[in-house]
Amino acid sequence: MSMFGDSPYEVLGLEVGASWADVQAAYRQGLKAAQRDRELRDRLSRARNALSRPGERRVAELLTPLPGTLPSDASSALLAEARRHMARVAPLMPDPTSFVPSPG
């Protein structure tokens, strides 16, 4: 999954947290619709494969745009997971002040 492309959930037309049965059904339906489009079939396969791996699925869940509203228990769990993820990656991010040109 590319950070700059569609998430696997978006490619398959699913919401975050979809069951594996939903992933498989969306994949099969997408393949039928994309019979002659090799690029789309490849994207569908990559999306299904990403959602079959727990680690990649978690990343996809974090990077997929949220729907307009979530149940309060789901949104708090997702926010907590996003905070844990950011705590892990924040040390890898450059210091924003390093982008400020030095005077003179």
PDB file of N, CA and C in Angstrom:
ATOM      1  N   MET A   1       0.850  -1.184   0.000  1.00  0.00           N
ATOM      2  CA  MET A   1       0.000   0.000   0.000  1.00  0.00           C
ATOM      3  C   MET A   1       0.885   1.233   0.000  1.00  0.00           C
ATOM      4  N   SER A   2       0.568   2.139  -0.839  1.00  0.00           N
ATOM      5  CA  SER A   2       1.319   3.381  -0.914  1.00  0.00           C
ATOM      6  C   SER A   2       0.672   4.434  -0.038  1.00  0.00           C
ATOM      7  N   MET A   3       1.517   5.229   0.606  1.00  0.00           N
ATOM      8  CA  MET A   3       0.966   6.313   1.429  1.00  0.00           C
ATOM      9  C   MET A   3       0.243   7.334   0.562  1.00  0.00           C
ATOM     10  N   PHE A   4       0.560   7.370  -0.741  1.00  0.00           N
ATOM     11  CA  PHE A   4      -0.005   8.397  -1.600  1.00  0.00           C
ATOM     12  C   PHE A   4      -1.128   7.871  -2.475  1.00  0.00           C
ATOM     13  N   GLY A   5      -1.416   6.568  -2.389  1.00  0.00           N
ATOM     14  CA  GLY A   5      -2.481   5.992  -3.185  1.00  0.00           C
ATOM     15  C   GLY A   5      -3.689   5.687  -2.336  1.00  0.00           C
ATOM     16  N   ASP A   6      -4.632   5.026  -2.955  1.00  0.00           N
ATOM     17  CA  ASP A   6      -5.824   4.607  -2.223  1.00  0.00           C
ATOM     18  C   ASP A   6      -5.459   3.510  -1.241  1.00  0.00           C
ATOM     19  N   SER A   7      -6.127   3.498  -0.126  1.00  0.00           N
ATOM     20  CA  SER A   7      -5.907   2.430   0.844  1.00  0.00           C
ATOM     21  C   SER A   7      -6.570   1.161   0.316  1.00  0.00           C
ATOM     22  N   PRO A   8      -6.176   0.002   0.834  1.00  0.00           N
ATOM     23  CA  PRO A   8      -6.837  -1.238   0.410  1.00  0.00           C
ATOM     24  C   PRO A   8      -8.346  -1.207   0.624  1.00  0.00           C
ATOM     25  N   TYR A   9      -8.778  -0.578   1.706  1.00  0.00           N
ATOM     26  CA  TYR A   9     -10.219  -0.474   1.951  1.00  0.00           C
ATOM     27  C   TYR A   9     -10.898   0.336   0.851  1.00  0.00           C
ATOM     28  N   GLU A  10     -10.270   1.439   0.433  1.00  0.00           N
ATOM     29  CA  GLU A  10     -10.848   2.271  -0.624  1.00  0.00           C
ATOM     30  C   GLU A  10     -10.868   1.531  -1.955  1.00  0.00           C
ATOM     31  N   VAL A  11      -9.801   0.812  -2.261  1.00  0.00           N
ATOM     32  CA  VAL A  11      -9.734   0.070  -3.518  1.00  0.00           C
ATOM     33  C   VAL A  11     -10.876  -0.945  -3.591  1.00  0.00           C
ATOM     34  N   LEU A  12     -11.139  -1.612  -2.485  1.00  0.00           N
ATOM     35  CA  LEU A  12     -12.188  -2.629  -2.463  1.00  0.00           C
ATOM     36  C   LEU A  12     -13.571  -2.059  -2.158  1.00  0.00           C
ATOM     37  N   GLY A  13     -13.648  -0.769  -1.859  1.00  0.00           N
ATOM     38  CA  GLY A  13     -14.935  -0.146  -1.571  1.00  0.00           C
ATOM     39  C   GLY A  13     -15.518  -0.565  -0.237  1.00  0.00           C
ATOM     40  N   LEU A  14     -14.643  -0.789   0.742  1.00  0.00           N
ATOM     41  CA  LEU A  14     -15.069  -1.261   2.062  1.00  0.00           C
ATOM     42  C   LEU A  14     -14.775  -0.222   3.130  1.00  0.00           C
ATOM     43  N   GLU A  15     -15.465  -0.347   4.247  1.00  0.00           N
ATOM     44  CA  GLU A  15     -15.180   0.492   5.400  1.00  0.00           C
ATOM     45  C   GLU A  15     -14.148  -0.196   6.280  1.00  0.00           C
ATOM     46  N   VAL A  16     -13.421   0.611   7.039  1.00  0.00           N
ATOM     47  CA  VAL A  16     -12.431   0.075   7.968  1.00  0.00           C
ATOM     48  C   VAL A  16     -13.109  -0.920   8.904  1.00  0.00           C
ATOM     49  N   GLY A  17     -12.434  -2.046   9.132  1.00  0.00           N
ATOM     50  CA  GLY A  17     -12.967  -3.055  10.024  1.00  0.00           C
ATOM     51  C   GLY A  17     -13.822  -4.106   9.335  1.00  0.00           C
ATOM     52  N   ALA A  18     -13.887  -4.065   8.010  1.00  0.00           N
ATOM     53  CA  ALA A  18     -14.676  -5.063   7.290  1.00  0.00           C
ATOM     54  C   ALA A  18     -14.154  -6.463   7.596  1.00  0.00           C
ATOM     55  N   SER A  19     -15.047  -7.422   7.618  1.00  0.00           N
ATOM     56  CA  SER A  19     -14.653  -8.810   7.902  1.00  0.00           C
ATOM     57  C   SER A  19     -13.892  -9.385   6.715  1.00  0.00           C
ATOM     58  N   TRP A  20     -13.207 -10.504   6.967  1.00  0.00           N
ATOM     59  CA  TRP A  20     -12.478 -11.163   5.887  1.00  0.00           C
ATOM     60  C   TRP A  20     -13.454 -11.641   4.809  1.00  0.00           C
ATOM     61  N   ALA A  21     -14.646 -12.081   5.204  1.00  0.00           N
ATOM     62  CA  ALA A  21     -15.660 -12.494   4.232  1.00  0.00           C
ATOM     63  C   ALA A  21     -16.066 -11.313   3.347  1.00  0.00           C
ATOM     64  N   ASP A  22     -16.194 -10.127   3.939  1.00  0.00           N
ATOM     65  CA  ASP A  22     -16.514  -8.929   3.164  1.00  0.00           C
ATOM     66  C   ASP A  22     -15.386  -8.583   2.194  1.00  0.00           C
ATOM     67  N   VAL A  23     -14.138  -8.738   2.662  1.00  0.00           N
ATOM     68  CA  VAL A  23     -12.972  -8.468   1.800  1.00  0.00           C
ATOM     69  C   VAL A  23     -13.000  -9.410   0.603  1.00  0.00           C
ATOM     70  N   GLN A  24     -13.209 -10.694   0.860  1.00  0.00           N
ATOM     71  CA  GLN A  24     -13.233 -11.678  -0.215  1.00  0.00           C
ATOM     72  C   GLN A  24     -14.370 -11.391  -1.201  1.00  0.00           C
ATOM     73  N   ALA A  25     -15.548 -11.065  -0.676  1.00  0.00           N
ATOM     74  CA  ALA A  25     -16.700 -10.792  -1.542  1.00  0.00           C
ATOM     75  C   ALA A  25     -16.448  -9.553  -2.406  1.00  0.00           C
ATOM     76  N   ALA A  26     -15.898  -8.500  -1.806  1.00  0.00           N
ATOM     77  CA  ALA A  26     -15.606  -7.279  -2.565  1.00  0.00           C
ATOM     78  C   ALA A  26     -14.537  -7.547  -3.621  1.00  0.00           C
ATOM     79  N   TYR A  27     -13.557  -8.364  -3.281  1.00  0.00           N
ATOM     80  CA  TYR A  27     -12.498  -8.725  -4.229  1.00  0.00           C
ATOM     81  C   TYR A  27     -13.093  -9.466  -5.424  1.00  0.00           C
ATOM     82  N   ARG A  28     -13.917 -10.473  -5.173  1.00  0.00           N
ATOM     83  CA  ARG A  28     -14.522 -11.239  -6.270  1.00  0.00           C
ATOM     84  C   ARG A  28     -15.416 -10.353  -7.134  1.00  0.00           C
ATOM     85  N   GLN A  29     -16.182  -9.477  -6.487  1.00  0.00           N
ATOM     86  CA  GLN A  29     -17.068  -8.578  -7.236  1.00  0.00           C
ATOM     87  C   GLN A  29     -16.234  -7.620  -8.088  1.00  0.00           C
ATOM     88  N   GLY A  30     -15.134  -7.112  -7.522  1.00  0.00           N
ATOM     89  CA  GLY A  30     -14.259  -6.213  -8.271  1.00  0.00           C
ATOM     90  C   GLY A  30     -13.623  -6.900  -9.457  1.00  0.00           C
ATOM     91  N   LEU A  31     -13.211  -8.150  -9.285  1.00  0.00           N
ATOM     92  CA  LEU A  31     -12.610  -8.897 -10.402  1.00  0.00           C
ATOM     93  C   LEU A  31     -13.600  -9.074 -11.549  1.00  0.00           C
ATOM     94  N   LYS A  32     -14.856  -9.329 -11.218  1.00  0.00           N
ATOM     95  CA  LYS A  32     -15.874  -9.463 -12.269  1.00  0.00           C
ATOM     96  C   LYS A  32     -16.025  -8.163 -13.045  1.00  0.00           C
ATOM     97  N   ALA A  33     -15.997  -7.046 -12.333  1.00  0.00           N
ATOM     98  CA  ALA A  33     -16.178  -5.745 -12.970  1.00  0.00           C
ATOM     99  C   ALA A  33     -14.936  -5.322 -13.762  1.00  0.00           C
ATOM    100  N   ALA A  34     -13.775  -5.873 -13.414  1.00  0.00           N
ATOM    101  CA  ALA A  34     -12.518  -5.437 -14.034  1.00  0.00           C
ATOM    102  C   ALA A  34     -11.934  -6.508 -14.949  1.00  0.00           C
ATOM    103  N   GLN A  35     -12.786  -7.274 -15.618  1.00  0.00           N
ATOM    104  CA  GLN A  35     -12.313  -8.399 -16.413  1.00  0.00           C
ATOM    105  C   GLN A  35     -11.215  -8.027 -17.401  1.00  0.00           C
ATOM    106  N   ARG A  36     -11.314  -6.901 -18.040  1.00  0.00           N
ATOM    107  CA  ARG A  36     -10.336  -6.524 -19.075  1.00  0.00           C
ATOM    108  C   ARG A  36      -9.364  -5.446 -18.623  1.00  0.00           C
ATOM    109  N   ASP A  37      -9.433  -5.068 -17.359  1.00  0.00           N
ATOM    110  CA  ASP A  37      -8.558  -4.009 -16.845  1.00  0.00           C
ATOM    111  C   ASP A  37      -7.498  -4.630 -15.943  1.00  0.00           C
ATOM    112  N   ARG A  38      -6.352  -4.945 -16.523  1.00  0.00           N
ATOM    113  CA  ARG A  38      -5.284  -5.629 -15.785  1.00  0.00           C
ATOM    114  C   ARG A  38      -4.779  -4.787 -14.605  1.00  0.00           C
ATOM    115  N   GLU A  39      -4.674  -3.482 -14.807  1.00  0.00           N
ATOM    116  CA  GLU A  39      -4.192  -2.614 -13.731  1.00  0.00           C
ATOM    117  C   GLU A  39      -5.139  -2.644 -12.529  1.00  0.00           C
ATOM    118  N   LEU A  40      -6.430  -2.588 -12.793  1.00  0.00           N
ATOM    119  CA  LEU A  40      -7.407  -2.634 -11.696  1.00  0.00           C
ATOM    120  C   LEU A  40      -7.383  -4.000 -11.016  1.00  0.00           C
ATOM    121  N   ARG A  41      -7.276  -5.074 -11.778  1.00  0.00           N
ATOM    122  CA  ARG A  41      -7.178  -6.404 -11.170  1.00  0.00           C
ATOM    123  C   ARG A  41      -5.957  -6.503 -10.266  1.00  0.00           C
ATOM    124  N   ASP A  42      -4.833  -5.922 -10.702  1.00  0.00           N
ATOM    125  CA  ASP A  42      -3.619  -5.926  -9.878  1.00  0.00           C
ATOM    126  C   ASP A  42      -3.833  -5.139  -8.589  1.00  0.00           C
ATOM    127  N   ARG A  43      -4.484  -3.973  -8.689  1.00  0.00           N
ATOM    128  CA  ARG A  43      -4.760  -3.160  -7.500  1.00  0.00           C
ATOM    129  C   ARG A  43      -5.670  -3.915  -6.537  1.00  0.00           C
ATOM    130  N   LEU A  44      -6.683  -4.595  -7.075  1.00  0.00           N
ATOM    131  CA  LEU A  44      -7.587  -5.374  -6.232  1.00  0.00           C
ATOM    132  C   LEU A  44      -6.831  -6.498  -5.521  1.00  0.00           C
ATOM    133  N   SER A  45      -5.946  -7.166  -6.235  1.00  0.00           N
ATOM    134  CA  SER A  45      -5.162  -8.253  -5.628  1.00  0.00           C
ATOM    135  C   SER A  45      -4.243  -7.725  -4.536  1.00  0.00           C
ATOM    136  N   ARG A  46      -3.586  -6.597  -4.801  1.00  0.00           N
ATOM    137  CA  ARG A  46      -2.703  -6.015  -3.777  1.00  0.00           C
ATOM    138  C   ARG A  46      -3.499  -5.599  -2.553  1.00  0.00           C
ATOM    139  N   ALA A  47      -4.694  -5.056  -2.761  1.00  0.00           N
ATOM    140  CA  ALA A  47      -5.535  -4.631  -1.638  1.00  0.00           C
ATOM    141  C   ALA A  47      -5.958  -5.832  -0.806  1.00  0.00           C
ATOM    142  N   ARG A  48      -6.414  -6.895  -1.464  1.00  0.00           N
ATOM    143  CA  ARG A  48      -6.831  -8.097  -0.729  1.00  0.00           C
ATOM    144  C   ARG A  48      -5.652  -8.698   0.028  1.00  0.00           C
ATOM    145  N   ASN A  49      -4.493  -8.762  -0.622  1.00  0.00           N
ATOM    146  CA  ASN A  49      -3.307  -9.325   0.034  1.00  0.00           C
ATOM    147  C   ASN A  49      -2.901  -8.492   1.249  1.00  0.00           C
ATOM    148  N   ALA A  50      -2.974  -7.175   1.132  1.00  0.00           N
ATOM    149  CA  ALA A  50      -2.625  -6.312   2.265  1.00  0.00           C
ATOM    150  C   ALA A  50      -3.568  -6.541   3.439  1.00  0.00           C
ATOM    151  N   LEU A  51      -4.856  -6.703   3.143  1.00  0.00           N
ATOM    152  CA  LEU A  51      -5.824  -6.901   4.222  1.00  0.00           C
ATOM    153  C   LEU A  51      -5.773  -8.308   4.791  1.00  0.00           C
ATOM    154  N   SER A  52      -5.043  -9.204   4.148  1.00  0.00           N
ATOM    155  CA  SER A  52      -4.906 -10.562   4.678  1.00  0.00           C
ATOM    156  C   SER A  52      -3.788 -10.649   5.709  1.00  0.00           C
ATOM    157  N   ARG A  53      -2.954  -9.619   5.783  1.00  0.00           N
ATOM    158  CA  ARG A  53      -1.832  -9.601   6.731  1.00  0.00           C
ATOM    159  C   ARG A  53      -2.170  -8.651   7.880  1.00  0.00           C
ATOM    160  N   PRO A  54      -2.183  -9.149   9.116  1.00  0.00           N
ATOM    161  CA  PRO A  54      -2.602  -8.314  10.248  1.00  0.00           C
ATOM    162  C   PRO A  54      -1.840  -6.993  10.361  1.00  0.00           C
ATOM    163  N   GLY A  55      -0.549  -6.988  10.177  1.00  0.00           N
ATOM    164  CA  GLY A  55       0.223  -5.753  10.295  1.00  0.00           C
ATOM    165  C   GLY A  55      -0.153  -4.737   9.238  1.00  0.00           C
ATOM    166  N   GLU A  56      -0.280  -5.193   7.993  1.00  0.00           N
ATOM    167  CA  GLU A  56      -0.656  -4.282   6.916  1.00  0.00           C
ATOM    168  C   GLU A  56      -2.094  -3.808   7.068  1.00  0.00           C
ATOM    169  N   ARG A  57      -2.952  -4.672   7.604  1.00  0.00           N
ATOM    170  CA  ARG A  57      -4.344  -4.275   7.828  1.00  0.00           C
ATOM    171  C   ARG A  57      -4.406  -3.147   8.845  1.00  0.00           C
ATOM    172  N   ARG A  58      -3.594  -3.234   9.906  1.00  0.00           N
ATOM    173  CA  ARG A  58      -3.588  -2.180  10.939  1.00  0.00           C
ATOM    174  C   ARG A  58      -3.132  -0.853  10.335  1.00  0.00           C
ATOM    175  N   VAL A  59      -2.109  -0.892   9.511  1.00  0.00           N
ATOM    176  CA  VAL A  59      -1.632   0.335   8.859  1.00  0.00           C
ATOM    177  C   VAL A  59      -2.719   0.891   7.951  1.00  0.00           C
ATOM    178  N   ALA A  60      -3.374   0.025   7.189  1.00  0.00           N
ATOM    179  CA  ALA A  60      -4.455   0.467   6.302  1.00  0.00           C
ATOM    180  C   ALA A  60      -5.584   1.111   7.098  1.00  0.00           C
ATOM    181  N   GLU A  61      -5.890   0.536   8.261  1.00  0.00           N
ATOM    182  CA  GLU A  61      -6.942   1.110   9.096  1.00  0.00           C
ATOM    183  C   GLU A  61      -6.574   2.514   9.547  1.00  0.00           C
ATOM    184  N   LEU A  62      -5.310   2.723   9.860  1.00  0.00           N
ATOM    185  CA  LEU A  62      -4.871   4.039  10.332  1.00  0.00           C
ATOM    186  C   LEU A  62      -4.816   5.059   9.212  1.00  0.00           C
ATOM    187  N   LEU A  63      -4.537   4.627   7.993  1.00  0.00           N
ATOM    188  CA  LEU A  63      -4.353   5.556   6.891  1.00  0.00           C
ATOM    189  C   LEU A  63      -5.597   5.760   6.036  1.00  0.00           C
ATOM    190  N   THR A  64      -6.644   4.989   6.280  1.00  0.00           N
ATOM    191  CA  THR A  64      -7.876   5.130   5.505  1.00  0.00           C
ATOM    192  C   THR A  64      -8.691   6.290   6.063  1.00  0.00           C
ATOM    193  N   PRO A  65      -9.132   7.196   5.200  1.00  0.00           N
ATOM    194  CA  PRO A  65      -9.977   8.298   5.680  1.00  0.00           C
ATOM    195  C   PRO A  65     -11.211   7.762   6.397  1.00  0.00           C
ATOM    196  N   LEU A  66     -11.556   8.418   7.483  1.00  0.00           N
ATOM    197  CA  LEU A  66     -12.696   7.993   8.292  1.00  0.00           C
ATOM    198  C   LEU A  66     -14.002   8.428   7.656  1.00  0.00           C
ATOM    199  N   PRO A  67     -15.061   7.630   7.846  1.00  0.00           N
ATOM    200  CA  PRO A  67     -16.381   8.075   7.393  1.00  0.00           C
ATOM    201  C   PRO A  67     -16.820   9.272   8.226  1.00  0.00           C
ATOM    202  N   GLY A  68     -17.907   9.895   7.834  1.00  0.00           N
ATOM    203  CA  GLY A  68     -18.379  11.090   8.526  1.00  0.00           C
ATOM    204  C   GLY A  68     -18.549  10.927  10.018  1.00  0.00           C
ATOM    205  N   THR A  69     -19.125   9.834  10.444  1.00  0.00           N
ATOM    206  CA  THR A  69     -19.333   9.612  11.874  1.00  0.00           C
ATOM    207  C   THR A  69     -19.025   8.165  12.219  1.00  0.00           C
ATOM    208  N   LEU A  70     -18.578   7.958  13.415  1.00  0.00           N
ATOM    209  CA  LEU A  70     -18.326   6.624  13.949  1.00  0.00           C
ATOM    210  C   LEU A  70     -19.050   6.497  15.277  1.00  0.00           C
ATOM    211  N   PRO A  71     -19.423   5.303  15.660  1.00  0.00           N
ATOM    212  CA  PRO A  71     -19.950   5.137  17.008  1.00  0.00           C
ATOM    213  C   PRO A  71     -18.897   5.569  18.010  1.00  0.00           C
ATOM    214  N   SER A  72     -19.307   6.113  19.135  1.00  0.00           N
ATOM    215  CA  SER A  72     -18.346   6.673  20.087  1.00  0.00           C
ATOM    216  C   SER A  72     -17.316   5.647  20.544  1.00  0.00           C
ATOM    217  N   ASP A  73     -17.705   4.388  20.746  1.00  0.00           N
ATOM    218  CA  ASP A  73     -16.729   3.391  21.186  1.00  0.00           C
ATOM    219  C   ASP A  73     -15.716   3.091  20.090  1.00  0.00           C
ATOM    220  N   ALA A  74     -16.139   3.087  18.828  1.00  0.00           N
ATOM    221  CA  ALA A  74     -15.214   2.827  17.724  1.00  0.00           C
ATOM    222  C   ALA A  74     -14.263   3.996  17.537  1.00  0.00           C
ATOM    223  N   SER A  75     -14.778   5.220  17.632  1.00  0.00           N
ATOM    224  CA  SER A  75     -13.914   6.377  17.405  1.00  0.00           C
ATOM    225  C   SER A  75     -12.871   6.507  18.513  1.00  0.00           C
ATOM    226  N   SER A  76     -13.237   6.212  19.750  1.00  0.00           N
ATOM    227  CA  SER A  76     -12.254   6.321  20.822  1.00  0.00           C
ATOM    228  C   SER A  76     -11.184   5.241  20.692  1.00  0.00           C
ATOM    229  N   ALA A  77     -11.566   4.039  20.273  1.00  0.00           N
ATOM    230  CA  ALA A  77     -10.580   2.967  20.082  1.00  0.00           C
ATOM    231  C   ALA A  77      -9.647   3.301  18.926  1.00  0.00           C
ATOM    232  N   LEU A  78     -10.204   3.840  17.847  1.00  0.00           N
ATOM    233  CA  LEU A  78      -9.383   4.201  16.692  1.00  0.00           C
ATOM    234  C   LEU A  78      -8.443   5.350  17.037  1.00  0.00           C
ATOM    235  N   LEU A  79      -8.930   6.330  17.774  1.00  0.00           N
ATOM    236  CA  LEU A  79      -8.087   7.452  18.190  1.00  0.00           C
ATOM    237  C   LEU A  79      -6.952   6.970  19.088  1.00  0.00           C
ATOM    238  N   ALA A  80      -7.251   6.066  19.999  1.00  0.00           N
ATOM    239  CA  ALA A  80      -6.209   5.527  20.884  1.00  0.00           C
ATOM    240  C   ALA A  80      -5.153   4.788  20.071  1.00  0.00           C
ATOM    241  N   GLU A  81      -5.574   4.011  19.085  1.00  0.00           N
ATOM    242  CA  GLU A  81      -4.621   3.299  18.232  1.00  0.00           C
ATOM    243  C   GLU A  81      -3.782   4.277  17.407  1.00  0.00           C
ATOM    244  N   ALA A  82      -4.406   5.316  16.891  1.00  0.00           N
ATOM    245  CA  ALA A  82      -3.660   6.314  16.127  1.00  0.00           C
ATOM    246  C   ALA A  82      -2.621   7.005  17.002  1.00  0.00           C
ATOM    247  N   ARG A  83      -2.977   7.300  18.241  1.00  0.00           N
ATOM    248  CA  ARG A  83      -2.012   7.928  19.159  1.00  0.00           C
ATOM    249  C   ARG A  83      -0.839   6.998  19.440  1.00  0.00           C
ATOM    250  N   ARG A  84      -1.128   5.697  19.634  1.00  0.00           N
ATOM    251  CA  ARG A  84      -0.038   4.731  19.863  1.00  0.00           C
ATOM    252  C   ARG A  84       0.875   4.660  18.637  1.00  0.00           C
ATOM    253  N   HIS A  85       0.283   4.649  17.461  1.00  0.00           N
ATOM    254  CA  HIS A  85       1.069   4.599  16.229  1.00  0.00           C
ATOM    255  C   HIS A  85       1.941   5.847  16.087  1.00  0.00           C
ATOM    256  N   MET A  86       1.375   6.995  16.331  1.00  0.00           N
ATOM    257  CA  MET A  86       2.131   8.245  16.202  1.00  0.00           C
ATOM    258  C   MET A  86       3.257   8.309  17.226  1.00  0.00           C
ATOM    259  N   ALA A  87       3.044   7.756  18.407  1.00  0.00           N
ATOM    260  CA  ALA A  87       4.111   7.740  19.415  1.00  0.00           C
ATOM    261  C   ALA A  87       5.295   6.905  18.933  1.00  0.00           C
ATOM    262  N   ARG A  88       4.997   5.863  18.138  1.00  0.00           N
ATOM    263  CA  ARG A  88       6.082   5.024  17.605  1.00  0.00           C
ATOM    264  C   ARG A  88       6.810   5.702  16.460  1.00  0.00           C
ATOM    265  N   VAL A  89       6.087   6.425  15.595  1.00  0.00           N
ATOM    266  CA  VAL A  89       6.730   6.993  14.408  1.00  0.00           C
ATOM    267  C   VAL A  89       7.212   8.420  14.604  1.00  0.00           C
ATOM    268  N   ALA A  90       6.693   9.129  15.603  1.00  0.00           N
ATOM    269  CA  ALA A  90       7.077  10.531  15.804  1.00  0.00           C
ATOM    270  C   ALA A  90       8.582  10.717  15.950  1.00  0.00           C
ATOM    271  N   PRO A  91       9.303   9.839  16.660  1.00  0.00           N
ATOM    272  CA  PRO A  91      10.751  10.042  16.756  1.00  0.00           C
ATOM    273  C   PRO A  91      11.461   9.945  15.407  1.00  0.00           C
ATOM    274  N   LEU A  92      10.818   9.328  14.423  1.00  0.00           N
ATOM    275  CA  LEU A  92      11.424   9.184  13.102  1.00  0.00           C
ATOM    276  C   LEU A  92      11.187  10.402  12.218  1.00  0.00           C
ATOM    277  N   MET A  93      10.282  11.273  12.628  1.00  0.00           N
ATOM    278  CA  MET A  93       9.937  12.438  11.820  1.00  0.00           C
ATOM    279  C   MET A  93      10.944  13.554  12.059  1.00  0.00           C
ATOM    280  N   PRO A  94      11.256  14.321  11.014  1.00  0.00           N
ATOM    281  CA  PRO A  94      12.213  15.422  11.190  1.00  0.00           C
ATOM    282  C   PRO A  94      11.643  16.523  12.072  1.00  0.00           C
ATOM    283  N   ASP A  95      12.521  17.224  12.716  1.00  0.00           N
ATOM    284  CA  ASP A  95      12.137  18.358  13.550  1.00  0.00           C
ATOM    285  C   ASP A  95      11.622  19.465  12.634  1.00  0.00           C
ATOM    286  N   PRO A  96      10.384  19.953  12.841  1.00  0.00           N
ATOM    287  CA  PRO A  96       9.824  20.988  11.962  1.00  0.00           C
ATOM    288  C   PRO A  96      10.684  22.241  11.907  1.00  0.00           C
ATOM    289  N   THR A  97      11.415  22.531  12.963  1.00  0.00           N
ATOM    290  CA  THR A  97      12.247  23.744  12.943  1.00  0.00           C
ATOM    291  C   THR A  97      13.417  23.616  11.989  1.00  0.00           C
ATOM    292  N   SER A  98      13.740  22.392  11.590  1.00  0.00           N
ATOM    293  CA  SER A  98      14.845  22.208  10.645  1.00  0.00           C
ATOM    294  C   SER A  98      14.489  22.723   9.257  1.00  0.00           C
ATOM    295  N   PHE A  99      13.212  22.977   9.009  1.00  0.00           N
ATOM    296  CA  PHE A  99      12.785  23.475   7.708  1.00  0.00           C
ATOM    297  C   PHE A  99      12.753  25.007   7.635  1.00  0.00           C
ATOM    298  N   VAL A 100      12.970  25.656   8.741  1.00  0.00           N
ATOM    299  CA  VAL A 100      12.952  27.113   8.790  1.00  0.00           C
ATOM    300  C   VAL A 100      14.316  27.626   8.322  1.00  0.00           C
ATOM    301  N   PRO A 101      14.348  28.505   7.311  1.00  0.00           N
ATOM    302  CA  PRO A 101      15.642  29.004   6.852  1.00  0.00           C
ATOM    303  C   PRO A 101      16.339  29.816   7.949  1.00  0.00           C
ATOM    304  N   SER A 102      17.622  29.646   8.024  1.00  0.00           N
ATOM    305  CA  SER A 102      18.359  30.397   9.040  1.00  0.00           C
ATOM    306  C   SER A 102      18.503  31.847   8.589  1.00  0.00           C
ATOM    307  N   PRO A 103      18.443  32.783   9.543  1.00  0.00           N
ATOM    308  CA  PRO A 103      18.540  34.216   9.179  1.00  0.00           C
ATOM    309  C   PRO A 103      19.956  34.519   8.658  1.00  0.00           C
ATOM    310  N   GLY A 104      19.988  35.387   7.678  1.00  0.00           N
ATOM    311  CA  GLY A 104      21.277  35.892   7.210  1.00  0.00           C
ATOM    312  C   GLY A 104      21.719  35.272   6.019  1.00  0.00           C
TER     313      GLY A 104
END
